[in-house]
Amino acid sequence: MYKITKLMIQTKLLLLEYATVNDAAQNHWKLATIRNIRNLLLLLDLNAEVVPVNNARSLQNLLSSLKGEDLNDNESKLVEELITI
């Protein structure tokens, strides 16, 4: 179950990254933010953490904990976008 939810988030990130790379109108900040979030997810211990795929606030809190500080505005927006996909 935990591996599936992490895989779901990673798949959503890949879809966003692909759309961002292939859309010249997208800002470069979004691509960097996607990569930052993906790197944070790689730090997850799947035996100890549950990845909240349906709750933006919970996912933001988890990622903030992994980051060691609050998410910036771009990261928070991206997390909200991930939940709505």
N, C-alpha and C. Protein backbone atom coordinates (compact mmCIF):
# COMPACT_ATOMS: atom_id res chain seq x y z
N MET A 1 0.82 -1.19 0.00
CA MET A 1 0.00 0.00 0.00
C MET A 1 0.86 1.26 0.00
N TYR A 2 1.90 1.30 0.87
CA TYR A 2 2.73 2.49 0.95
C TYR A 2 3.50 2.71 -0.35
N LYS A 3 4.02 1.63 -0.93
CA LYS A 3 4.76 1.76 -2.18
C LYS A 3 3.86 2.24 -3.29
N ILE A 4 2.61 1.81 -3.29
CA ILE A 4 1.66 2.23 -4.31
C ILE A 4 1.39 3.73 -4.20
N THR A 5 1.17 4.22 -3.00
CA THR A 5 0.87 5.64 -2.86
C THR A 5 2.07 6.50 -3.23
N LYS A 6 3.27 6.07 -2.89
CA LYS A 6 4.46 6.81 -3.29
C LYS A 6 4.60 6.77 -4.81
N LEU A 7 4.30 5.62 -5.40
CA LEU A 7 4.36 5.49 -6.85
C LEU A 7 3.34 6.40 -7.52
N MET A 8 2.16 6.54 -6.91
CA MET A 8 1.14 7.43 -7.47
C MET A 8 1.63 8.87 -7.51
N ILE A 9 2.22 9.33 -6.43
CA ILE A 9 2.73 10.70 -6.38
C ILE A 9 3.87 10.88 -7.38
N GLN A 10 4.77 9.90 -7.46
CA GLN A 10 5.88 10.00 -8.40
C GLN A 10 5.37 10.02 -9.84
N THR A 11 4.35 9.24 -10.14
CA THR A 11 3.77 9.23 -11.48
C THR A 11 3.15 10.58 -11.80
N LYS A 12 2.44 11.15 -10.84
CA LYS A 12 1.85 12.48 -11.04
C LYS A 12 2.95 13.52 -11.28
N LEU A 13 4.04 13.43 -10.54
CA LEU A 13 5.16 14.35 -10.73
C LEU A 13 5.76 14.21 -12.12
N LEU A 14 5.90 12.97 -12.58
CA LEU A 14 6.43 12.75 -13.93
C LEU A 14 5.52 13.34 -15.00
N LEU A 15 4.22 13.19 -14.81
CA LEU A 15 3.27 13.77 -15.77
C LEU A 15 3.36 15.29 -15.79
N LEU A 16 3.46 15.89 -14.59
CA LEU A 16 3.61 17.34 -14.53
C LEU A 16 4.93 17.79 -15.14
N GLU A 17 5.98 17.03 -14.88
CA GLU A 17 7.29 17.38 -15.44
C GLU A 17 7.25 17.30 -16.95
N TYR A 18 6.66 16.26 -17.49
CA TYR A 18 6.56 16.10 -18.94
C TYR A 18 5.76 17.26 -19.55
N ALA A 19 4.65 17.60 -18.93
CA ALA A 19 3.82 18.70 -19.45
C ALA A 19 4.57 20.02 -19.36
N THR A 20 5.36 20.21 -18.31
CA THR A 20 6.10 21.45 -18.12
C THR A 20 7.23 21.57 -19.13
N VAL A 21 7.95 20.49 -19.35
CA VAL A 21 9.06 20.49 -20.30
C VAL A 21 8.56 20.75 -21.71
N ASN A 22 7.40 20.21 -22.03
CA ASN A 22 6.87 20.32 -23.39
C ASN A 22 5.98 21.53 -23.62
N ASP A 23 5.87 22.40 -22.65
CA ASP A 23 5.05 23.59 -22.79
C ASP A 23 5.94 24.82 -22.57
N ALA A 24 6.25 25.49 -23.66
CA ALA A 24 7.16 26.64 -23.58
C ALA A 24 6.62 27.75 -22.69
N ALA A 25 5.32 27.78 -22.49
CA ALA A 25 4.72 28.84 -21.68
C ALA A 25 4.93 28.61 -20.18
N GLN A 26 5.28 27.41 -19.78
CA GLN A 26 5.48 27.12 -18.35
C GLN A 26 6.74 27.83 -17.86
N ASN A 27 6.71 28.24 -16.63
CA ASN A 27 7.87 28.89 -16.01
C ASN A 27 8.91 27.86 -15.61
N HIS A 28 10.16 28.26 -15.67
CA HIS A 28 11.23 27.34 -15.28
C HIS A 28 11.17 27.00 -13.80
N TRP A 29 10.56 27.85 -12.98
CA TRP A 29 10.45 27.57 -11.55
C TRP A 29 9.66 26.30 -11.30
N LYS A 30 8.68 26.03 -12.15
CA LYS A 30 7.84 24.85 -11.93
C LYS A 30 8.65 23.58 -12.13
N LEU A 31 9.48 23.56 -13.13
CA LEU A 31 10.31 22.38 -13.37
C LEU A 31 11.27 22.16 -12.20
N ALA A 32 11.88 23.22 -11.70
CA ALA A 32 12.78 23.10 -10.55
C ALA A 32 12.00 22.65 -9.31
N THR A 33 10.79 23.14 -9.14
CA THR A 33 9.98 22.76 -7.99
C THR A 33 9.58 21.30 -8.06
N ILE A 34 9.23 20.83 -9.24
CA ILE A 34 8.89 19.41 -9.43
C ILE A 34 10.07 18.54 -9.03
N ARG A 35 11.23 18.92 -9.46
CA ARG A 35 12.43 18.13 -9.13
C ARG A 35 12.74 18.19 -7.63
N ASN A 36 12.52 19.32 -6.99
CA ASN A 36 12.73 19.43 -5.54
C ASN A 36 11.79 18.50 -4.78
N ILE A 37 10.52 18.50 -5.17
CA ILE A 37 9.53 17.64 -4.50
C ILE A 37 9.88 16.17 -4.74
N ARG A 38 10.26 15.84 -5.95
CA ARG A 38 10.64 14.45 -6.25
C ARG A 38 11.83 14.02 -5.39
N ASN A 39 12.81 14.89 -5.22
CA ASN A 39 13.97 14.57 -4.38
C ASN A 39 13.57 14.39 -2.92
N LEU A 40 12.62 15.18 -2.44
CA LEU A 40 12.14 15.01 -1.08
C LEU A 40 11.46 13.66 -0.91
N LEU A 41 10.67 13.27 -1.90
CA LEU A 41 9.98 11.98 -1.82
C LEU A 41 10.94 10.80 -1.79
N LEU A 42 12.10 10.98 -2.39
CA LEU A 42 13.10 9.91 -2.37
C LEU A 42 13.62 9.66 -0.96
N LEU A 43 13.46 10.63 -0.07
CA LEU A 43 13.93 10.50 1.31
C LEU A 43 12.97 9.72 2.20
N LEU A 44 11.78 9.43 1.68
CA LEU A 44 10.78 8.75 2.49
C LEU A 44 11.17 7.33 2.85
N ASP A 45 10.94 6.99 4.09
CA ASP A 45 11.07 5.61 4.56
C ASP A 45 9.67 5.00 4.48
N LEU A 46 9.46 4.13 3.51
CA LEU A 46 8.12 3.60 3.28
C LEU A 46 7.63 2.70 4.40
N ASN A 47 8.53 2.25 5.25
CA ASN A 47 8.12 1.44 6.40
C ASN A 47 7.64 2.30 7.56
N ALA A 48 7.98 3.58 7.54
CA ALA A 48 7.63 4.46 8.65
C ALA A 48 6.64 5.55 8.27
N GLU A 49 6.52 5.88 7.01
CA GLU A 49 5.69 7.00 6.59
C GLU A 49 4.54 6.55 5.69
N VAL A 50 3.43 7.22 5.85
CA VAL A 50 2.29 7.04 4.96
C VAL A 50 2.24 8.28 4.08
N VAL A 51 2.18 8.09 2.77
CA VAL A 51 2.13 9.22 1.84
C VAL A 51 0.66 9.60 1.63
N PRO A 52 0.26 10.77 2.11
CA PRO A 52 -1.14 11.19 1.97
C PRO A 52 -1.41 11.70 0.55
N VAL A 53 -2.00 10.87 -0.28
CA VAL A 53 -2.20 11.24 -1.69
C VAL A 53 -3.49 12.01 -1.93
N ASN A 54 -4.35 12.13 -0.93
CA ASN A 54 -5.62 12.82 -1.11
C ASN A 54 -5.78 14.05 -0.23
N ASN A 55 -4.72 14.44 0.47
CA ASN A 55 -4.82 15.56 1.39
C ASN A 55 -3.60 16.46 1.22
N ALA A 56 -3.81 17.60 0.60
CA ALA A 56 -2.70 18.51 0.30
C ALA A 56 -2.00 18.98 1.56
N ARG A 57 -2.76 19.32 2.60
CA ARG A 57 -2.16 19.84 3.82
C ARG A 57 -1.27 18.79 4.49
N SER A 58 -1.74 17.55 4.53
CA SER A 58 -0.94 16.47 5.12
C SER A 58 0.33 16.21 4.32
N LEU A 59 0.20 16.24 3.00
CA LEU A 59 1.37 16.04 2.16
C LEU A 59 2.35 17.20 2.31
N GLN A 60 1.84 18.41 2.41
CA GLN A 60 2.70 19.58 2.64
C GLN A 60 3.45 19.44 3.97
N ASN A 61 2.75 18.99 5.00
CA ASN A 61 3.38 18.80 6.31
C ASN A 61 4.47 17.74 6.25
N LEU A 62 4.20 16.64 5.57
CA LEU A 62 5.19 15.58 5.43
C LEU A 62 6.42 16.08 4.69
N LEU A 63 6.21 16.76 3.57
CA LEU A 63 7.34 17.27 2.79
C LEU A 63 8.11 18.35 3.55
N SER A 64 7.41 19.17 4.31
CA SER A 64 8.08 20.18 5.14
C SER A 64 8.97 19.51 6.17
N SER A 65 8.47 18.43 6.74
CA SER A 65 9.26 17.69 7.72
C SER A 65 10.52 17.11 7.08
N LEU A 66 10.37 16.57 5.88
CA LEU A 66 11.53 16.02 5.17
C LEU A 66 12.52 17.11 4.79
N LYS A 67 12.00 18.26 4.42
CA LYS A 67 12.83 19.39 4.00
C LYS A 67 13.52 20.05 5.19
N GLY A 68 12.90 19.97 6.35
CA GLY A 68 13.46 20.61 7.53
C GLY A 68 13.06 22.06 7.67
N GLU A 69 12.15 22.52 6.83
CA GLU A 69 11.62 23.88 6.88
C GLU A 69 10.32 23.91 6.10
N ASP A 70 9.59 25.02 6.22
CA ASP A 70 8.33 25.14 5.49
C ASP A 70 8.57 25.12 3.99
N LEU A 71 7.59 24.58 3.28
CA LEU A 71 7.65 24.63 1.82
C LEU A 71 7.48 26.07 1.36
N ASN A 72 8.13 26.42 0.27
CA ASN A 72 7.92 27.76 -0.27
C ASN A 72 6.59 27.79 -1.02
N ASP A 73 6.20 28.96 -1.48
CA ASP A 73 4.90 29.11 -2.16
C ASP A 73 4.78 28.22 -3.38
N ASN A 74 5.83 28.14 -4.18
CA ASN A 74 5.79 27.31 -5.39
C ASN A 74 5.62 25.83 -5.04
N GLU A 75 6.31 25.38 -4.01
CA GLU A 75 6.20 23.98 -3.59
C GLU A 75 4.80 23.68 -3.06
N SER A 76 4.25 24.60 -2.29
CA SER A 76 2.90 24.42 -1.76
C SER A 76 1.88 24.36 -2.89
N LYS A 77 2.02 25.23 -3.88
CA LYS A 77 1.12 25.22 -5.03
C LYS A 77 1.22 23.91 -5.80
N LEU A 78 2.45 23.41 -5.94
CA LEU A 78 2.64 22.16 -6.67
C LEU A 78 1.99 20.99 -5.93
N VAL A 79 2.10 20.97 -4.62
CA VAL A 79 1.48 19.90 -3.83
C VAL A 79 -0.04 19.94 -4.03
N GLU A 80 -0.63 21.12 -4.02
CA GLU A 80 -2.07 21.24 -4.24
C GLU A 80 -2.44 20.74 -5.63
N GLU A 81 -1.59 21.03 -6.61
CA GLU A 81 -1.84 20.56 -7.97
C GLU A 81 -1.74 19.04 -8.04
N LEU A 82 -0.79 18.48 -7.33
CA LEU A 82 -0.63 17.01 -7.32
C LEU A 82 -1.88 16.32 -6.79
N ILE A 83 -2.47 16.88 -5.78
CA ILE A 83 -3.64 16.26 -5.16
C ILE A 83 -4.84 16.30 -6.11
N THR A 84 -4.92 17.34 -6.93
CA THR A 84 -6.08 17.49 -7.82
C THR A 84 -5.97 16.68 -9.10
N ILE A 85 -4.81 16.13 -9.38
CA ILE A 85 -4.63 15.35 -10.62
C ILE A 85 -5.28 13.99 -10.45
